[in-house]
Amino acid sequence: MWPSAKWTMISLTDKVAVKDRERYNHEKDAHGELAVTAPSLNALSLTRRILFYWLPVVVYCLMIFIQSSLPAAQPLAKLSYGDKLVHFAAYAVLGALFLRAFRTGNLSPSTALWASVAATALYGLSDELHQALVPFRHADGLDWLADALGGLLGAYAYHRIVARWHVLFRFG
């Protein structure tokens, strides 16, 4: 039976709002009654997940890679650890983007959170190793630490915002 609301939440983990009933499969169950089931993951929804959730992660990682390939910018003179703050902020955004993408899969929220922190830290490590190979750049362990902590804070903040959002605005 369909709820009276026009928008129906399929799954809290997928966060997919469905506007049309046509996206559901209407089949008869063993007793001959109409059973309404959610659609299987088809090519369109997979493409949508990749484009909408994973493409921003890839584009942002590419932006970090390109920036890391350039010669080092002038240090921020007013702040002694200004570059660490830049690393922290940039990787906080990356951590949030990773969590946003991981939450579209079948992972629990806490597993998605830790997977995004690990992915962010690993990408930060690969970025530092890449910088060691770039002329006029060097790898720095404190930069990697700032990357990992930024990813942790960004992913956790996104996790809390999404949790609060679903409490305030329930569908269905």
C-alpha atoms as a PDB file:
ATOM      1  CA  MET A   1       0.000   0.000   0.000  1.00  0.00           C
ATOM      2  CA  TRP A   2       1.319   3.420  -0.891  1.00  0.00           C
ATOM      3  CA  PRO A   3       1.620   6.153   1.724  1.00  0.00           C
ATOM      4  CA  SER A   4      -0.356   9.299   1.125  1.00  0.00           C
ATOM      5  CA  ALA A   5       2.750  11.464   0.778  1.00  0.00           C
ATOM      6  CA  LYS A   6       3.852  12.234  -2.751  1.00  0.00           C
ATOM      7  CA  TRP A   7       7.543  11.720  -1.895  1.00  0.00           C
ATOM      8  CA  THR A   8       8.617   8.437  -0.329  1.00  0.00           C
ATOM      9  CA  MET A   9      12.021   7.604   1.121  1.00  0.00           C
ATOM     10  CA  ILE A  10      13.297   4.270  -0.266  1.00  0.00           C
ATOM     11  CA  SER A  11      16.130   3.831   2.182  1.00  0.00           C
ATOM     12  CA  LEU A  12      17.848   6.016   4.735  1.00  0.00           C
ATOM     13  CA  THR A  13      21.226   4.649   3.690  1.00  0.00           C
ATOM     14  CA  ASP A  14      20.650   5.446   0.028  1.00  0.00           C
ATOM     15  CA  LYS A  15      18.853   8.706   0.725  1.00  0.00           C
ATOM     16  CA  VAL A  16      16.908   8.419  -2.500  1.00  0.00           C
ATOM     17  CA  ALA A  17      13.608  10.236  -2.657  1.00  0.00           C
ATOM     18  CA  VAL A  18      11.240   8.775  -5.210  1.00  0.00           C
ATOM     19  CA  LYS A  19       8.659  10.958  -6.854  1.00  0.00           C
ATOM     20  CA  ASP A  20       7.056   8.420  -9.178  1.00  0.00           C
ATOM     21  CA  ARG A  21       5.451   5.135  -8.346  1.00  0.00           C
ATOM     22  CA  GLU A  22       6.599   3.852 -11.746  1.00  0.00           C
ATOM     23  CA  ARG A  23      10.138   3.402 -10.416  1.00  0.00           C
ATOM     24  CA  TYR A  24       8.882   0.523  -8.288  1.00  0.00           C
ATOM     25  CA  ASN A  25       8.329  -3.008  -9.513  1.00  0.00           C
ATOM     26  CA  HIS A  26       4.697  -4.124  -9.235  1.00  0.00           C
ATOM     27  CA  GLU A  27       4.540  -7.896  -8.924  1.00  0.00           C
ATOM     28  CA  LYS A  28       2.150 -10.446  -7.487  1.00  0.00           C
ATOM     29  CA  ASP A  29       3.332 -12.289  -4.398  1.00  0.00           C
ATOM     30  CA  ALA A  30       2.714 -15.980  -3.585  1.00  0.00           C
ATOM     31  CA  HIS A  31      -0.852 -15.195  -2.402  1.00  0.00           C
ATOM     32  CA  GLY A  32      -1.768 -13.317  -5.576  1.00  0.00           C
ATOM     33  CA  GLU A  33      -1.661  -9.892  -3.931  1.00  0.00           C
ATOM     34  CA  LEU A  34       0.141  -6.980  -5.486  1.00  0.00           C
ATOM     35  CA  ALA A  35       3.593  -6.652  -3.956  1.00  0.00           C
ATOM     36  CA  VAL A  36       5.484  -3.417  -4.418  1.00  0.00           C
ATOM     37  CA  THR A  37       9.250  -3.769  -4.246  1.00  0.00           C
ATOM     38  CA  ALA A  38      12.056  -1.302  -4.716  1.00  0.00           C
ATOM     39  CA  PRO A  39      13.853  -1.529  -8.046  1.00  0.00           C
ATOM     40  CA  SER A  40      17.109  -3.408  -8.286  1.00  0.00           C
ATOM     41  CA  LEU A  41      20.269  -1.449  -8.871  1.00  0.00           C
ATOM     42  CA  ASN A  42      20.123  -0.948 -12.614  1.00  0.00           C
ATOM     43  CA  ALA A  43      22.572   0.743 -14.958  1.00  0.00           C
ATOM     44  CA  LEU A  44      20.802   4.086 -14.697  1.00  0.00           C
ATOM     45  CA  SER A  45      20.926   4.245 -10.924  1.00  0.00           C
ATOM     46  CA  LEU A  46      24.548   3.042 -10.939  1.00  0.00           C
ATOM     47  CA  THR A  47      25.440   5.764 -13.420  1.00  0.00           C
ATOM     48  CA  ARG A  48      23.574   8.290 -11.310  1.00  0.00           C
ATOM     49  CA  ARG A  49      25.430   7.202  -8.176  1.00  0.00           C
ATOM     50  CA  ILE A  50      28.766   7.447  -9.928  1.00  0.00           C
ATOM     51  CA  LEU A  51      28.073  10.845 -11.461  1.00  0.00           C
ATOM     52  CA  PHE A  52      26.336  12.430  -8.504  1.00  0.00           C
ATOM     53  CA  TYR A  53      28.304  10.958  -5.592  1.00  0.00           C
ATOM     54  CA  TRP A  54      31.681   9.706  -6.842  1.00  0.00           C
ATOM     55  CA  LEU A  55      32.485  12.211  -9.599  1.00  0.00           C
ATOM     56  CA  PRO A  56      32.859  15.084  -7.092  1.00  0.00           C
ATOM     57  CA  VAL A  57      35.365  12.962  -5.136  1.00  0.00           C
ATOM     58  CA  VAL A  58      37.378  12.234  -8.276  1.00  0.00           C
ATOM     59  CA  VAL A  59      37.303  15.857  -9.432  1.00  0.00           C
ATOM     60  CA  TYR A  60      38.371  17.129  -6.004  1.00  0.00           C
ATOM     61  CA  CYS A  61      41.206  14.565  -5.805  1.00  0.00           C
ATOM     62  CA  LEU A  62      42.301  15.642  -9.284  1.00  0.00           C
ATOM     63  CA  MET A  63      42.328  19.280  -8.165  1.00  0.00           C
ATOM     64  CA  ILE A  64      44.538  18.358  -5.193  1.00  0.00           C
ATOM     65  CA  PHE A  65      46.848  16.356  -7.462  1.00  0.00           C
ATOM     66  CA  ILE A  66      47.208  19.218  -9.954  1.00  0.00           C
ATOM     67  CA  GLN A  67      47.868  21.724  -7.171  1.00  0.00           C
ATOM     68  CA  SER A  68      50.472  19.373  -5.677  1.00  0.00           C
ATOM     69  CA  SER A  69      52.202  19.119  -9.065  1.00  0.00           C
ATOM     70  CA  LEU A  70      52.881  22.851  -9.169  1.00  0.00           C
ATOM     71  CA  PRO A  71      55.889  24.453  -7.492  1.00  0.00           C
ATOM     72  CA  ALA A  72      55.298  25.381  -3.871  1.00  0.00           C
ATOM     73  CA  ALA A  73      53.498  28.652  -3.258  1.00  0.00           C
ATOM     74  CA  GLN A  74      54.912  31.315  -1.014  1.00  0.00           C
ATOM     75  CA  PRO A  75      54.498  30.381   2.653  1.00  0.00           C
ATOM     76  CA  LEU A  76      51.866  32.167   4.671  1.00  0.00           C
ATOM     77  CA  ALA A  77      54.072  34.629   6.567  1.00  0.00           C
ATOM     78  CA  LYS A  78      51.596  35.599   9.272  1.00  0.00           C
ATOM     79  CA  LEU A  79      50.921  32.047  10.466  1.00  0.00           C
ATOM     80  CA  SER A  80      53.780  29.724  11.317  1.00  0.00           C
ATOM     81  CA  TYR A  81      51.637  26.643  10.563  1.00  0.00           C
ATOM     82  CA  GLY A  82      49.421  28.220   7.921  1.00  0.00           C
ATOM     83  CA  ASP A  83      50.124  25.473   5.394  1.00  0.00           C
ATOM     84  CA  LYS A  84      48.911  22.895   7.907  1.00  0.00           C
ATOM     85  CA  LEU A  85      45.613  24.779   8.216  1.00  0.00           C
ATOM     86  CA  VAL A  86      45.270  24.753   4.421  1.00  0.00           C
ATOM     87  CA  HIS A  87      45.923  20.986   4.384  1.00  0.00           C
ATOM     88  CA  PHE A  88      43.441  20.496   7.238  1.00  0.00           C
ATOM     89  CA  ALA A  89      40.684  22.478   5.504  1.00  0.00           C
ATOM     90  CA  ALA A  90      41.231  20.928   2.074  1.00  0.00           C
ATOM     91  CA  TYR A  91      41.159  17.394   3.416  1.00  0.00           C
ATOM     92  CA  ALA A  92      38.147  18.129   5.634  1.00  0.00           C
ATOM     93  CA  VAL A  93      36.228  18.799   2.428  1.00  0.00           C
ATOM     94  CA  LEU A  94      37.628  15.599   0.911  1.00  0.00           C
ATOM     95  CA  GLY A  95      36.603  13.602   3.993  1.00  0.00           C
ATOM     96  CA  ALA A  96      33.044  14.908   3.725  1.00  0.00           C
ATOM     97  CA  LEU A  97      32.944  14.090   0.006  1.00  0.00           C
ATOM     98  CA  PHE A  98      34.219  10.563   0.641  1.00  0.00           C
ATOM     99  CA  LEU A  99      31.590  10.002   3.346  1.00  0.00           C
ATOM    100  CA  ARG A 100      28.855  11.329   1.071  1.00  0.00           C
ATOM    101  CA  ALA A 101      29.930   8.837  -1.595  1.00  0.00           C
ATOM    102  CA  PHE A 102      30.435   5.858   0.745  1.00  0.00           C
ATOM    103  CA  ARG A 103      26.955   6.336   2.248  1.00  0.00           C
ATOM    104  CA  THR A 104      25.379   5.443  -1.111  1.00  0.00           C
ATOM    105  CA  GLY A 105      26.578   1.847  -0.743  1.00  0.00           C
ATOM    106  CA  ASN A 106      25.570  -0.889   1.636  1.00  0.00           C
ATOM    107  CA  LEU A 107      27.868   0.215   4.448  1.00  0.00           C
ATOM    108  CA  SER A 108      26.570   1.073   7.892  1.00  0.00           C
ATOM    109  CA  PRO A 109      26.941   4.752   8.815  1.00  0.00           C
ATOM    110  CA  SER A 110      29.847   4.071  11.184  1.00  0.00           C
ATOM    111  CA  THR A 111      31.640   1.853   8.647  1.00  0.00           C
ATOM    112  CA  ALA A 112      31.151   4.514   5.964  1.00  0.00           C
ATOM    113  CA  LEU A 113      32.571   7.107   8.370  1.00  0.00           C
ATOM    114  CA  TRP A 114      35.726   5.104   9.069  1.00  0.00           C
ATOM    115  CA  ALA A 115      36.104   4.109   5.415  1.00  0.00           C
ATOM    116  CA  SER A 116      36.027   7.775   4.431  1.00  0.00           C
ATOM    117  CA  VAL A 117      38.604   8.679   7.098  1.00  0.00           C
ATOM    118  CA  ALA A 118      40.869   5.850   5.898  1.00  0.00           C
ATOM    119  CA  ALA A 119      40.436   6.803   2.228  1.00  0.00           C
ATOM    120  CA  THR A 120      41.189  10.444   3.004  1.00  0.00           C
ATOM    121  CA  ALA A 121      44.287   9.548   5.026  1.00  0.00           C
ATOM    122  CA  LEU A 122      45.522   7.200   2.282  1.00  0.00           C
ATOM    123  CA  TYR A 123      44.987   9.857  -0.372  1.00  0.00           C
ATOM    124  CA  GLY A 124      46.843  12.357   1.825  1.00  0.00           C
ATOM    125  CA  LEU A 125      49.724   9.895   2.134  1.00  0.00           C
ATOM    126  CA  SER A 126      49.815   9.367  -1.627  1.00  0.00           C
ATOM    127  CA  ASP A 127      49.759  13.146  -2.098  1.00  0.00           C
ATOM    128  CA  GLU A 128      52.752  13.577   0.229  1.00  0.00           C
ATOM    129  CA  LEU A 129      54.652  10.824  -1.611  1.00  0.00           C
ATOM    130  CA  HIS A 130      53.782  12.534  -4.896  1.00  0.00           C
ATOM    131  CA  GLN A 131      55.085  15.855  -3.579  1.00  0.00           C
ATOM    132  CA  ALA A 132      58.412  14.187  -2.746  1.00  0.00           C
ATOM    133  CA  LEU A 133      58.853  13.596  -6.489  1.00  0.00           C
ATOM    134  CA  VAL A 134      57.910  17.137  -7.567  1.00  0.00           C
ATOM    135  CA  PRO A 135      60.748  19.686  -7.942  1.00  0.00           C
ATOM    136  CA  PHE A 136      60.727  22.407  -5.248  1.00  0.00           C
ATOM    137  CA  ARG A 137      58.340  20.350  -3.112  1.00  0.00           C
ATOM    138  CA  HIS A 138      58.923  17.961  -0.245  1.00  0.00           C
ATOM    139  CA  ALA A 139      56.945  15.413   1.730  1.00  0.00           C
ATOM    140  CA  ASP A 140      56.106  16.357   5.298  1.00  0.00           C
ATOM    141  CA  GLY A 141      54.712  14.037   7.959  1.00  0.00           C
ATOM    142  CA  LEU A 142      52.945  16.928   9.687  1.00  0.00           C
ATOM    143  CA  ASP A 143      51.181  17.747   6.427  1.00  0.00           C
ATOM    144  CA  TRP A 144      49.949  14.154   6.275  1.00  0.00           C
ATOM    145  CA  LEU A 145      48.798  14.385   9.899  1.00  0.00           C
ATOM    146  CA  ALA A 146      46.891  17.575   9.053  1.00  0.00           C
ATOM    147  CA  ASP A 147      45.380  15.758   6.044  1.00  0.00           C
ATOM    148  CA  ALA A 148      44.238  12.810   8.160  1.00  0.00           C
ATOM    149  CA  LEU A 149      42.850  14.960  10.992  1.00  0.00           C
ATOM    150  CA  GLY A 150      41.091  17.217   8.495  1.00  0.00           C
ATOM    151  CA  GLY A 151      39.525  14.163   6.858  1.00  0.00           C
ATOM    152  CA  LEU A 152      38.394  12.909  10.263  1.00  0.00           C
ATOM    153  CA  LEU A 153      36.802  16.225  11.210  1.00  0.00           C
ATOM    154  CA  GLY A 154      35.193  16.742   7.791  1.00  0.00           C
ATOM    155  CA  ALA A 155      33.723  13.244   7.694  1.00  0.00           C
ATOM    156  CA  TYR A 156      32.504  13.444  11.285  1.00  0.00           C
ATOM    157  CA  ALA A 157      30.942  16.882  10.745  1.00  0.00           C
ATOM    158  CA  TYR A 158      29.164  15.622   7.626  1.00  0.00           C
ATOM    159  CA  HIS A 159      28.026  12.524   9.554  1.00  0.00           C
ATOM    160  CA  ARG A 160      26.536  14.683  12.329  1.00  0.00           C
ATOM    161  CA  ILE A 161      24.881  17.098   9.885  1.00  0.00           C
ATOM    162  CA  VAL A 162      23.246  14.242   7.963  1.00  0.00           C
ATOM    163  CA  ALA A 163      22.065  12.632  11.219  1.00  0.00           C
ATOM    164  CA  ARG A 164      20.587  15.926  12.413  1.00  0.00           C
ATOM    165  CA  TRP A 165      18.982  16.550   9.006  1.00  0.00           C
ATOM    166  CA  HIS A 166      17.156  13.209   9.064  1.00  0.00           C
ATOM    167  CA  VAL A 167      15.852  13.834  12.561  1.00  0.00           C
ATOM    168  CA  LEU A 168      14.512  17.265  11.611  1.00  0.00           C
ATOM    169  CA  PHE A 169      13.094  16.351   8.181  1.00  0.00           C
ATOM    170  CA  ARG A 170      11.609  12.878   8.091  1.00  0.00           C
ATOM    171  CA  PHE A 171      10.017  11.730   4.848  1.00  0.00           C
ATOM    172  CA  GLY A 172       7.115   9.617   4.368  1.00  0.00           C
END
